[in-house]
C-alpha cells in the first residue's frame, strides 16, 4: 500500500450527477436531442457569404448625423 493512499473520494458534484443518471437513464439522450435542436445546424455557406457581402459598414460614431 502506498504511503499517501487515501480512501476513494468522489466530490459532491460527481455524486449528484451519478445520482441523476441513475434516477433518469434517458437524461443524456434528452440533452443530446436538445443540443441538436438548438446548436447542431447545417450552415448554408452561400447564404452566409451573401449576407456578409450585403452588410453596410457602420460609421465610427453611431449617433452622428449626416447633415
PDB file of N, CA and C in Angstrom:
ATOM      1  N   UNK A   1       0.841  -1.181   0.000  1.00  0.00           N
ATOM      2  CA  UNK A   1       0.000   0.000   0.000  1.00  0.00           C
ATOM      3  C   UNK A   1       0.881   1.237   0.000  1.00  0.00           C
ATOM      4  N   UNK A   2       0.599   2.197  -0.899  1.00  0.00           N
ATOM      5  CA  UNK A   2       1.403   3.418  -0.948  1.00  0.00           C
ATOM      6  C   UNK A   2       1.295   4.214   0.358  1.00  0.00           C
ATOM      7  N   UNK A   3       2.277   5.000   0.596  1.00  0.00           N
ATOM      8  CA  UNK A   3       2.369   5.774   1.830  1.00  0.00           C
ATOM      9  C   UNK A   3       1.246   6.808   1.937  1.00  0.00           C
ATOM     10  N   UNK A   4       0.915   7.463   0.829  1.00  0.00           N
ATOM     11  CA  UNK A   4      -0.100   8.522   0.840  1.00  0.00           C
ATOM     12  C   UNK A   4      -1.475   8.032   0.350  1.00  0.00           C
ATOM     13  N   UNK A   5      -1.760   6.772   0.460  1.00  0.00           N
ATOM     14  CA  UNK A   5      -3.031   6.232  -0.023  1.00  0.00           C
ATOM     15  C   UNK A   5      -4.196   6.787   0.795  1.00  0.00           C
ATOM     16  N   UNK A   6      -5.265   7.145   0.090  1.00  0.00           N
ATOM     17  CA  UNK A   6      -6.473   7.635   0.751  1.00  0.00           C
ATOM     18  C   UNK A   6      -7.646   6.775   0.279  1.00  0.00           C
ATOM     19  N   UNK A   7      -8.710   6.768   1.029  1.00  0.00           N
ATOM     20  CA  UNK A   7      -9.886   6.061   0.521  1.00  0.00           C
ATOM     21  C   UNK A   7     -10.419   6.744  -0.735  1.00  0.00           C
ATOM     22  N   UNK A   8     -11.154   5.997  -1.536  1.00  0.00           N
ATOM     23  CA  UNK A   8     -11.693   6.550  -2.790  1.00  0.00           C
ATOM     24  C   UNK A   8     -12.590   7.744  -2.466  1.00  0.00           C
ATOM     25  N   UNK A   9     -12.338   8.872  -3.111  1.00  0.00           N
ATOM     26  CA  UNK A   9     -13.094  10.104  -2.857  1.00  0.00           C
ATOM     27  C   UNK A   9     -13.825  10.523  -4.119  1.00  0.00           C
ATOM     28  N   UNK A  10     -15.091  10.862  -3.982  1.00  0.00           N
ATOM     29  CA  UNK A  10     -15.842  11.474  -5.073  1.00  0.00           C
ATOM     30  C   UNK A  10     -16.474  12.747  -4.531  1.00  0.00           C
ATOM     31  N   UNK A  11     -16.421  13.788  -5.311  1.00  0.00           N
ATOM     32  CA  UNK A  11     -16.947  15.081  -4.885  1.00  0.00           C
ATOM     33  C   UNK A  11     -18.471  15.053  -4.823  1.00  0.00           C
ATOM     34  N   UNK A  12     -19.029  16.061  -4.177  1.00  0.00           N
ATOM     35  CA  UNK A  12     -20.484  16.167  -4.076  1.00  0.00           C
ATOM     36  C   UNK A  12     -21.112  16.335  -5.451  1.00  0.00           C
ATOM     37  N   UNK A  13     -20.453  17.100  -6.303  1.00  0.00           N
ATOM     38  CA  UNK A  13     -20.977  17.321  -7.653  1.00  0.00           C
ATOM     39  C   UNK A  13     -21.014  16.010  -8.440  1.00  0.00           C
ATOM     40  N   UNK A  14     -19.955  15.219  -8.335  1.00  0.00           N
ATOM     41  CA  UNK A  14     -19.905  13.936  -9.034  1.00  0.00           C
ATOM     42  C   UNK A  14     -20.970  12.990  -8.505  1.00  0.00           C
ATOM     43  N   UNK A  15     -21.145  12.974  -7.207  1.00  0.00           N
ATOM     44  CA  UNK A  15     -22.182  12.125  -6.616  1.00  0.00           C
ATOM     45  C   UNK A  15     -23.569  12.553  -7.093  1.00  0.00           C
ATOM     46  N   UNK A  16     -23.798  13.856  -7.175  1.00  0.00           N
ATOM     47  CA  UNK A  16     -25.083  14.376  -7.643  1.00  0.00           C
ATOM     48  C   UNK A  16     -25.356  13.953  -9.078  1.00  0.00           C
ATOM     49  N   UNK A  17     -24.342  14.086  -9.946  1.00  0.00           N
ATOM     50  CA  UNK A  17     -24.512  13.724 -11.356  1.00  0.00           C
ATOM     51  C   UNK A  17     -24.766  12.231 -11.502  1.00  0.00           C
ATOM     52  N   UNK A  18     -24.026  11.413 -10.759  1.00  0.00           N
ATOM     53  CA  UNK A  18     -24.233   9.968 -10.823  1.00  0.00           C
ATOM     54  C   UNK A  18     -25.627   9.592 -10.330  1.00  0.00           C
ATOM     55  N   UNK A  19     -26.102  10.268  -9.299  1.00  0.00           N
ATOM     56  CA  UNK A  19     -27.434  10.007  -8.769  1.00  0.00           C
ATOM     57  C   UNK A  19     -28.500  10.398  -9.809  1.00  0.00           C
ATOM     58  N   UNK A  20     -28.308  11.528 -10.487  1.00  0.00           N
ATOM     59  CA  UNK A  20     -29.252  11.948 -11.531  1.00  0.00           C
ATOM     60  C   UNK A  20     -29.293  10.932 -12.665  1.00  0.00           C
ATOM     61  N   UNK A  21     -28.128  10.425 -13.052  1.00  0.00           N
ATOM     62  CA  UNK A  21     -28.068   9.452 -14.141  1.00  0.00           C
ATOM     63  C   UNK A  21     -28.772   8.153 -13.761  1.00  0.00           C
ATOM     64  N   UNK A  22     -28.680   7.771 -12.493  1.00  0.00           N
ATOM     65  CA  UNK A  22     -29.353   6.558 -12.044  1.00  0.00           C
ATOM     66  C   UNK A  22     -30.866   6.756 -12.006  1.00  0.00           C
ATOM     67  N   UNK A  23     -31.297   7.932 -11.572  1.00  0.00           N
ATOM     68  CA  UNK A  23     -32.725   8.195 -11.466  1.00  0.00           C
ATOM     69  C   UNK A  23     -33.374   8.392 -12.835  1.00  0.00           C
ATOM     70  N   UNK A  24     -32.633   8.943 -13.770  1.00  0.00           N
ATOM     71  CA  UNK A  24     -33.194   9.241 -15.094  1.00  0.00           C
ATOM     72  C   UNK A  24     -32.211   8.775 -16.167  1.00  0.00           C
ATOM     73  N   UNK A  25     -32.301   7.513 -16.563  1.00  0.00           N
ATOM     74  CA  UNK A  25     -31.330   6.972 -17.525  1.00  0.00           C
ATOM     75  C   UNK A  25     -31.388   7.618 -18.909  1.00  0.00           C
ATOM     76  N   UNK A  26     -32.483   8.290 -19.244  1.00  0.00           N
ATOM     77  CA  UNK A  26     -32.608   8.901 -20.566  1.00  0.00           C
ATOM     78  C   UNK A  26     -32.076  10.332 -20.589  1.00  0.00           C
ATOM     79  N   UNK A  27     -31.474  10.783 -19.516  1.00  0.00           N
ATOM     80  CA  UNK A  27     -31.028  12.172 -19.401  1.00  0.00           C
ATOM     81  C   UNK A  27     -30.038  12.557 -20.498  1.00  0.00           C
ATOM     82  N   UNK A  28     -29.052  11.725 -20.742  1.00  0.00           N
ATOM     83  CA  UNK A  28     -28.034  12.068 -21.741  1.00  0.00           C
ATOM     84  C   UNK A  28     -28.631  12.154 -23.141  1.00  0.00           C
ATOM     85  N   UNK A  29     -29.542  11.239 -23.470  1.00  0.00           N
ATOM     86  CA  UNK A  29     -30.194  11.276 -24.784  1.00  0.00           C
ATOM     87  C   UNK A  29     -31.037  12.540 -24.927  1.00  0.00           C
ATOM     88  N   UNK A  30     -31.706  12.958 -23.862  1.00  0.00           N
ATOM     89  CA  UNK A  30     -32.501  14.181 -23.898  1.00  0.00           C
ATOM     90  C   UNK A  30     -31.615  15.411 -24.067  1.00  0.00           C
ATOM     91  N   UNK A  31     -30.465  15.408 -23.412  1.00  0.00           N
ATOM     92  CA  UNK A  31     -29.526  16.520 -23.560  1.00  0.00           C
ATOM     93  C   UNK A  31     -29.016  16.612 -24.991  1.00  0.00           C
ATOM     94  N   UNK A  32     -28.696  15.477 -25.584  1.00  0.00           N
ATOM     95  CA  UNK A  32     -28.222  15.473 -26.970  1.00  0.00           C
ATOM     96  C   UNK A  32     -29.308  15.949 -27.928  1.00  0.00           C
ATOM     97  N   UNK A  33     -30.553  15.550 -27.669  1.00  0.00           N
ATOM     98  CA  UNK A  33     -31.660  15.990 -28.522  1.00  0.00           C
ATOM     99  C   UNK A  33     -31.849  17.506 -28.406  1.00  0.00           C
ATOM    100  N   UNK A  34     -31.733  18.043 -27.204  1.00  0.00           N
ATOM    101  CA  UNK A  34     -31.846  19.483 -27.014  1.00  0.00           C
ATOM    102  C   UNK A  34     -30.728  20.241 -27.692  1.00  0.00           C
ATOM    103  N   UNK A  35     -29.529  19.693 -27.618  1.00  0.00           N
ATOM    104  CA  UNK A  35     -28.404  20.337 -28.293  1.00  0.00           C
ATOM    105  C   UNK A  35     -28.601  20.329 -29.805  1.00  0.00           C
ATOM    106  N   UNK A  36     -29.067  19.216 -30.332  1.00  0.00           N
ATOM    107  CA  UNK A  36     -29.297  19.123 -31.776  1.00  0.00           C
ATOM    108  C   UNK A  36     -30.373  20.112 -32.215  1.00  0.00           C
ATOM    109  N   UNK A  37     -31.350  20.337 -31.356  1.00  0.00           N
ATOM    110  CA  UNK A  37     -32.434  21.250 -31.686  1.00  0.00           C
ATOM    111  C   UNK A  37     -31.942  22.694 -31.788  1.00  0.00           C
ATOM    112  N   UNK A  38     -31.023  23.075 -30.908  1.00  0.00           N
ATOM    113  CA  UNK A  38     -30.608  24.475 -30.842  1.00  0.00           C
ATOM    114  C   UNK A  38     -29.266  24.777 -31.499  1.00  0.00           C
ATOM    115  N   UNK A  39     -28.334  23.851 -31.469  1.00  0.00           N
ATOM    116  CA  UNK A  39     -26.967  24.177 -31.858  1.00  0.00           C
ATOM    117  C   UNK A  39     -26.456  23.444 -33.080  1.00  0.00           C
ATOM    118  N   UNK A  40     -26.768  22.201 -33.239  1.00  0.00           N
ATOM    119  CA  UNK A  40     -26.196  21.407 -34.322  1.00  0.00           C
ATOM    120  C   UNK A  40     -26.980  21.637 -35.609  1.00  0.00           C
ATOM    121  N   UNK A  41     -26.644  22.701 -36.300  1.00  0.00           N
ATOM    122  CA  UNK A  41     -27.337  23.089 -37.530  1.00  0.00           C
ATOM    123  C   UNK A  41     -26.365  23.031 -38.702  1.00  0.00           C
ATOM    124  N   UNK A  42     -26.917  22.729 -39.877  1.00  0.00           N
ATOM    125  CA  UNK A  42     -26.118  22.786 -41.089  1.00  0.00           C
ATOM    126  C   UNK A  42     -26.054  24.239 -41.548  1.00  0.00           C
ATOM    127  N   UNK A  43     -24.872  24.696 -41.876  1.00  0.00           N
ATOM    128  CA  UNK A  43     -24.679  26.088 -42.280  1.00  0.00           C
ATOM    129  C   UNK A  43     -24.703  26.181 -43.796  1.00  0.00           C
ATOM    130  N   UNK A  44     -25.515  27.096 -44.310  1.00  0.00           N
ATOM    131  CA  UNK A  44     -25.563  27.362 -45.750  1.00  0.00           C
ATOM    132  C   UNK A  44     -24.475  28.396 -46.046  1.00  0.00           C
ATOM    133  N   UNK A  45     -23.356  27.921 -46.553  1.00  0.00           N
ATOM    134  CA  UNK A  45     -22.195  28.797 -46.773  1.00  0.00           C
ATOM    135  C   UNK A  45     -22.480  29.885 -47.812  1.00  0.00           C
ATOM    136  N   UNK A  46     -23.253  29.566 -48.826  1.00  0.00           N
ATOM    137  CA  UNK A  46     -23.547  30.557 -49.847  1.00  0.00           C
ATOM    138  C   UNK A  46     -24.394  31.690 -49.266  1.00  0.00           C
ATOM    139  N   UNK A  47     -25.409  31.346 -48.497  1.00  0.00           N
ATOM    140  CA  UNK A  47     -26.254  32.370 -47.873  1.00  0.00           C
ATOM    141  C   UNK A  47     -25.440  33.211 -46.895  1.00  0.00           C
ATOM    142  N   UNK A  48     -24.512  32.573 -46.190  1.00  0.00           N
ATOM    143  CA  UNK A  48     -23.664  33.298 -45.249  1.00  0.00           C
ATOM    144  C   UNK A  48     -22.774  34.293 -45.994  1.00  0.00           C
ATOM    145  N   UNK A  49     -22.230  33.895 -47.130  1.00  0.00           N
ATOM    146  CA  UNK A  49     -21.392  34.776 -47.941  1.00  0.00           C
ATOM    147  C   UNK A  49     -22.202  35.945 -48.487  1.00  0.00           C
ATOM    148  N   UNK A  50     -23.435  35.669 -48.932  1.00  0.00           N
ATOM    149  CA  UNK A  50     -24.290  36.735 -49.457  1.00  0.00           C
ATOM    150  C   UNK A  50     -24.667  37.731 -48.366  1.00  0.00           C
ATOM    151  N   UNK A  51     -24.937  37.250 -47.167  1.00  0.00           N
ATOM    152  CA  UNK A  51     -25.267  38.143 -46.050  1.00  0.00           C
ATOM    153  C   UNK A  51     -24.072  39.040 -45.706  1.00  0.00           C
ATOM    154  N   UNK A  52     -22.879  38.468 -45.695  1.00  0.00           N
ATOM    155  CA  UNK A  52     -21.685  39.248 -45.383  1.00  0.00           C
ATOM    156  C   UNK A  52     -21.428  40.297 -46.457  1.00  0.00           C
ATOM    157  N   UNK A  53     -21.694  39.956 -47.710  1.00  0.00           N
ATOM    158  CA  UNK A  53     -21.472  40.906 -48.801  1.00  0.00           C
ATOM    159  C   UNK A  53     -22.469  42.059 -48.749  1.00  0.00           C
ATOM    160  N   UNK A  54     -23.648  41.833 -48.199  1.00  0.00           N
ATOM    161  CA  UNK A  54     -24.674  42.858 -48.162  1.00  0.00           C
ATOM    162  C   UNK A  54     -24.632  43.748 -46.936  1.00  0.00           C
ATOM    163  N   UNK A  55     -23.673  43.532 -46.063  1.00  0.00           N
ATOM    164  CA  UNK A  55     -23.582  44.345 -44.854  1.00  0.00           C
ATOM    165  C   UNK A  55     -23.114  45.764 -45.183  1.00  0.00           C
ATOM    166  N   UNK A  56     -23.648  46.726 -44.460  1.00  0.00           N
ATOM    167  CA  UNK A  56     -23.261  48.120 -44.613  1.00  0.00           C
ATOM    168  C   UNK A  56     -22.301  48.460 -43.481  1.00  0.00           C
ATOM    169  N   UNK A  57     -21.203  49.111 -43.811  1.00  0.00           N
ATOM    170  CA  UNK A  57     -20.217  49.455 -42.794  1.00  0.00           C
ATOM    171  C   UNK A  57     -20.804  50.462 -41.808  1.00  0.00           C
ATOM    172  N   UNK A  58     -20.528  50.251 -40.548  1.00  0.00           N
ATOM    173  CA  UNK A  58     -21.035  51.150 -39.514  1.00  0.00           C
ATOM    174  C   UNK A  58     -20.098  52.343 -39.377  1.00  0.00           C
ATOM    175  N   UNK A  59     -20.674  53.517 -39.226  1.00  0.00           N
ATOM    176  CA  UNK A  59     -19.849  54.709 -39.062  1.00  0.00           C
ATOM    177  C   UNK A  59     -19.206  54.704 -37.670  1.00  0.00           C
ATOM    178  N   UNK A  60     -18.096  55.422 -37.508  1.00  0.00           N
ATOM    179  CA  UNK A  60     -17.366  55.383 -36.247  1.00  0.00           C
ATOM    180  C   UNK A  60     -18.205  55.794 -35.045  1.00  0.00           C
ATOM    181  N   UNK A  61     -18.995  56.844 -35.185  1.00  0.00           N
ATOM    182  CA  UNK A  61     -19.855  57.281 -34.091  1.00  0.00           C
ATOM    183  C   UNK A  61     -21.294  57.089 -34.554  1.00  0.00           C
ATOM    184  N   UNK A  62     -21.973  56.136 -33.966  1.00  0.00           N
ATOM    185  CA  UNK A  62     -23.274  55.701 -34.451  1.00  0.00           C
ATOM    186  C   UNK A  62     -24.315  56.834 -34.446  1.00  0.00           C
ATOM    187  N   UNK A  63     -24.270  57.696 -33.454  1.00  0.00           N
ATOM    188  CA  UNK A  63     -25.301  58.712 -33.301  1.00  0.00           C
ATOM    189  C   UNK A  63     -24.988  60.015 -34.038  1.00  0.00           C
ATOM    190  N   UNK A  64     -23.942  60.056 -34.800  1.00  0.00           N
ATOM    191  CA  UNK A  64     -23.568  61.226 -35.582  1.00  0.00           C
ATOM    192  C   UNK A  64     -24.548  61.389 -36.747  1.00  0.00           C
ATOM    193  N   UNK A  65     -25.039  62.608 -36.940  1.00  0.00           N
ATOM    194  CA  UNK A  65     -25.935  62.839 -38.078  1.00  0.00           C
ATOM    195  C   UNK A  65     -25.116  63.198 -39.307  1.00  0.00           C
ATOM    196  N   UNK A  66     -25.724  63.039 -40.453  1.00  0.00           N
ATOM    197  CA  UNK A  66     -25.019  63.315 -41.715  1.00  0.00           C
ATOM    198  C   UNK A  66     -25.399  64.677 -42.283  1.00  0.00           C
ATOM    199  N   UNK A  67     -25.913  65.562 -41.475  1.00  0.00           N
ATOM    200  CA  UNK A  67     -26.415  66.808 -42.017  1.00  0.00           C
ATOM    201  C   UNK A  67     -25.607  67.987 -41.788  1.00  0.00           C
TER     202      UNK A  67
END
